[in-house]
Amino acid sequence: MTKRLQAIGNSAGIIIDRPILDLLGITQDTDLDLKTDGRRLIITPLEGERSRAGRLAKVQTRALRRHAGTFRKLAK
């Protein structure tokens, strides 16, 4: 499959076809990791603990567990 960059404001982007997004399980909310080996652009969907949402959920759970008593006092 061959693609060309398309102008998006002052930047450029590649439109990824729906069948490819579905195959990889990528939605508009999926965090993507972009890397290059100097010649290629490598786009990888992040999953679970590596994604921003996964990391946030882990930190949130830890903070709630650690400071549950304090949060209860503040709520009163």
N, C-alpha and C. Protein backbone atom coordinates (compact mmCIF):
# COMPACT_ATOMS: atom_id res chain seq x y z
N MET A 1 0.85 -1.17 0.00
CA MET A 1 0.00 0.00 0.00
C MET A 1 0.90 1.24 0.00
N THR A 2 0.59 2.15 -0.85
CA THR A 2 1.34 3.39 -0.95
C THR A 2 0.47 4.54 -0.47
N LYS A 3 1.04 5.42 0.34
CA LYS A 3 0.33 6.59 0.87
C LYS A 3 1.19 7.83 0.66
N ARG A 4 0.55 8.96 0.63
CA ARG A 4 1.24 10.25 0.59
C ARG A 4 0.81 11.08 1.79
N LEU A 5 1.69 11.94 2.24
CA LEU A 5 1.34 12.86 3.31
C LEU A 5 0.28 13.84 2.82
N GLN A 6 -0.62 14.20 3.71
CA GLN A 6 -1.65 15.18 3.39
C GLN A 6 -1.50 16.36 4.33
N ALA A 7 -1.71 17.56 3.82
CA ALA A 7 -1.60 18.75 4.64
C ALA A 7 -2.73 18.77 5.67
N ILE A 8 -2.33 19.03 6.91
CA ILE A 8 -3.28 19.19 8.02
C ILE A 8 -2.84 20.43 8.77
N GLY A 9 -3.45 21.57 8.45
CA GLY A 9 -3.02 22.84 9.03
C GLY A 9 -1.60 23.13 8.59
N ASN A 10 -0.71 23.43 9.56
CA ASN A 10 0.70 23.68 9.25
C ASN A 10 1.53 22.41 9.31
N SER A 11 0.89 21.27 9.50
CA SER A 11 1.58 19.99 9.62
C SER A 11 1.18 19.08 8.46
N ALA A 12 1.61 17.83 8.55
CA ALA A 12 1.26 16.84 7.55
C ALA A 12 0.91 15.54 8.26
N GLY A 13 0.05 14.75 7.66
CA GLY A 13 -0.37 13.50 8.28
C GLY A 13 -0.66 12.43 7.25
N ILE A 14 -0.77 11.21 7.74
CA ILE A 14 -1.12 10.08 6.89
C ILE A 14 -2.48 9.57 7.35
N ILE A 15 -3.38 9.39 6.43
CA ILE A 15 -4.68 8.83 6.74
C ILE A 15 -4.55 7.31 6.69
N ILE A 16 -4.89 6.64 7.80
CA ILE A 16 -4.82 5.18 7.87
C ILE A 16 -6.22 4.64 7.62
N ASP A 17 -6.35 3.76 6.65
CA ASP A 17 -7.65 3.21 6.26
C ASP A 17 -8.28 2.41 7.40
N ARG A 18 -9.61 2.46 7.49
CA ARG A 18 -10.38 1.79 8.53
C ARG A 18 -10.04 0.30 8.67
N PRO A 19 -9.91 -0.48 7.58
CA PRO A 19 -9.59 -1.90 7.74
C PRO A 19 -8.27 -2.14 8.49
N ILE A 20 -7.29 -1.28 8.27
CA ILE A 20 -6.01 -1.43 8.96
C ILE A 20 -6.17 -1.08 10.43
N LEU A 21 -6.91 -0.01 10.71
CA LEU A 21 -7.15 0.38 12.10
C LEU A 21 -7.89 -0.75 12.84
N ASP A 22 -8.89 -1.32 12.18
CA ASP A 22 -9.65 -2.42 12.80
C ASP A 22 -8.76 -3.63 13.04
N LEU A 23 -7.92 -3.96 12.08
CA LEU A 23 -7.02 -5.10 12.20
C LEU A 23 -6.09 -4.96 13.39
N LEU A 24 -5.60 -3.74 13.61
CA LEU A 24 -4.66 -3.48 14.70
C LEU A 24 -5.34 -3.10 16.01
N GLY A 25 -6.65 -2.92 15.98
CA GLY A 25 -7.39 -2.55 17.19
C GLY A 25 -7.11 -1.12 17.62
N ILE A 26 -6.88 -0.24 16.67
CA ILE A 26 -6.56 1.15 16.98
C ILE A 26 -7.82 2.01 16.83
N THR A 27 -8.10 2.83 17.85
CA THR A 27 -9.19 3.80 17.79
C THR A 27 -8.59 5.19 17.93
N GLN A 28 -9.44 6.21 17.93
CA GLN A 28 -8.94 7.57 18.11
C GLN A 28 -8.40 7.79 19.52
N ASP A 29 -8.76 6.93 20.47
CA ASP A 29 -8.29 7.07 21.84
C ASP A 29 -7.04 6.24 22.13
N THR A 30 -6.56 5.48 21.16
CA THR A 30 -5.39 4.63 21.36
C THR A 30 -4.12 5.48 21.36
N ASP A 31 -3.28 5.32 22.39
CA ASP A 31 -1.98 5.97 22.40
C ASP A 31 -1.05 5.21 21.46
N LEU A 32 -0.28 5.95 20.68
CA LEU A 32 0.63 5.34 19.71
C LEU A 32 2.06 5.72 20.04
N ASP A 33 2.97 4.77 19.89
CA ASP A 33 4.40 5.00 20.07
C ASP A 33 5.00 5.17 18.69
N LEU A 34 5.68 6.30 18.44
CA LEU A 34 6.33 6.55 17.15
C LEU A 34 7.83 6.46 17.33
N LYS A 35 8.48 5.65 16.50
CA LYS A 35 9.93 5.49 16.53
C LYS A 35 10.44 5.58 15.10
N THR A 36 11.74 5.77 14.98
CA THR A 36 12.36 5.71 13.67
C THR A 36 13.69 4.98 13.81
N ASP A 37 14.06 4.26 12.77
CA ASP A 37 15.37 3.62 12.74
C ASP A 37 16.31 4.40 11.82
N GLY A 38 15.90 5.62 11.48
CA GLY A 38 16.70 6.46 10.61
C GLY A 38 16.21 6.45 9.17
N ARG A 39 15.47 5.41 8.81
CA ARG A 39 14.93 5.31 7.45
C ARG A 39 13.43 5.05 7.44
N ARG A 40 12.92 4.50 8.53
CA ARG A 40 11.51 4.11 8.59
C ARG A 40 10.84 4.74 9.79
N LEU A 41 9.57 5.00 9.66
CA LEU A 41 8.73 5.44 10.76
C LEU A 41 7.97 4.21 11.24
N ILE A 42 8.09 3.90 12.52
CA ILE A 42 7.44 2.72 13.09
C ILE A 42 6.39 3.20 14.08
N ILE A 43 5.12 2.86 13.82
CA ILE A 43 4.01 3.27 14.66
C ILE A 43 3.46 2.03 15.34
N THR A 44 3.45 2.05 16.68
CA THR A 44 3.01 0.89 17.45
C THR A 44 1.93 1.32 18.44
N PRO A 45 0.77 0.66 18.44
CA PRO A 45 -0.25 0.99 19.45
C PRO A 45 0.23 0.55 20.83
N LEU A 46 0.04 1.41 21.83
CA LEU A 46 0.41 1.06 23.21
C LEU A 46 -0.78 0.40 23.87
N GLU A 47 -0.50 -0.60 24.67
CA GLU A 47 -1.56 -1.34 25.34
C GLU A 47 -1.31 -1.38 26.84
N GLY A 48 -2.39 -1.57 27.59
CA GLY A 48 -2.31 -1.82 29.03
C GLY A 48 -1.48 -0.81 29.79
N GLU A 49 -0.51 -1.31 30.57
CA GLU A 49 0.27 -0.48 31.47
C GLU A 49 1.14 0.54 30.73
N ARG A 50 1.47 0.29 29.47
CA ARG A 50 2.32 1.21 28.74
C ARG A 50 1.57 2.42 28.25
N SER A 51 0.24 2.32 28.11
CA SER A 51 -0.52 3.45 27.61
C SER A 51 -0.70 4.50 28.70
N ARG A 52 -0.97 5.69 28.29
CA ARG A 52 -1.17 6.79 29.24
C ARG A 52 -2.34 6.49 30.17
N ALA A 53 -3.43 5.98 29.62
CA ALA A 53 -4.60 5.67 30.45
C ALA A 53 -4.27 4.56 31.45
N GLY A 54 -3.51 3.56 31.02
CA GLY A 54 -3.12 2.47 31.91
C GLY A 54 -2.23 2.95 33.03
N ARG A 55 -1.27 3.81 32.69
CA ARG A 55 -0.37 4.36 33.72
C ARG A 55 -1.13 5.23 34.70
N LEU A 56 -2.06 6.06 34.19
CA LEU A 56 -2.86 6.93 35.05
C LEU A 56 -3.71 6.10 36.00
N ALA A 57 -4.34 5.05 35.51
CA ALA A 57 -5.18 4.20 36.36
C ALA A 57 -4.35 3.56 37.46
N LYS A 58 -3.14 3.14 37.15
CA LYS A 58 -2.26 2.51 38.14
C LYS A 58 -1.87 3.51 39.23
N VAL A 59 -1.50 4.72 38.83
CA VAL A 59 -1.12 5.76 39.79
C VAL A 59 -2.32 6.16 40.65
N GLN A 60 -3.49 6.27 40.02
CA GLN A 60 -4.70 6.63 40.75
C GLN A 60 -5.03 5.60 41.82
N THR A 61 -4.99 4.35 41.45
CA THR A 61 -5.28 3.27 42.40
C THR A 61 -4.30 3.29 43.56
N ARG A 62 -3.02 3.47 43.26
CA ARG A 62 -2.01 3.50 44.31
C ARG A 62 -2.22 4.69 45.25
N ALA A 63 -2.53 5.86 44.70
CA ALA A 63 -2.76 7.05 45.53
C ALA A 63 -4.00 6.88 46.40
N LEU A 64 -5.06 6.34 45.84
CA LEU A 64 -6.29 6.13 46.63
C LEU A 64 -6.05 5.14 47.76
N ARG A 65 -5.32 4.07 47.47
CA ARG A 65 -5.03 3.06 48.49
C ARG A 65 -4.15 3.65 49.60
N ARG A 66 -3.14 4.41 49.20
CA ARG A 66 -2.17 4.96 50.15
C ARG A 66 -2.76 6.06 51.04
N HIS A 67 -3.68 6.84 50.48
CA HIS A 67 -4.18 8.02 51.19
C HIS A 67 -5.69 7.96 51.44
N ALA A 68 -6.25 6.78 51.52
CA ALA A 68 -7.70 6.62 51.70
C ALA A 68 -8.20 7.35 52.95
N GLY A 69 -7.49 7.20 54.05
CA GLY A 69 -7.89 7.87 55.30
C GLY A 69 -7.90 9.39 55.16
N THR A 70 -6.89 9.92 54.54
CA THR A 70 -6.80 11.37 54.34
C THR A 70 -7.95 11.86 53.47
N PHE A 71 -8.25 11.14 52.39
CA PHE A 71 -9.34 11.53 51.51
C PHE A 71 -10.68 11.50 52.24
N ARG A 72 -10.88 10.51 53.12
CA ARG A 72 -12.13 10.44 53.90
C ARG A 72 -12.26 11.66 54.82
N LYS A 73 -11.15 12.04 55.49
CA LYS A 73 -11.16 13.21 56.38
C LYS A 73 -11.45 14.49 55.59
N LEU A 74 -10.86 14.61 54.43
CA LEU A 74 -11.06 15.81 53.60
C LEU A 74 -12.50 15.89 53.09
N ALA A 75 -13.14 14.76 52.89
CA ALA A 75 -14.50 14.74 52.38
C ALA A 75 -15.52 15.19 53.42
N LYS A 76 -15.18 15.12 54.71
CA LYS A 76 -16.12 15.51 55.76
C LYS A 76 -16.25 16.99 55.91
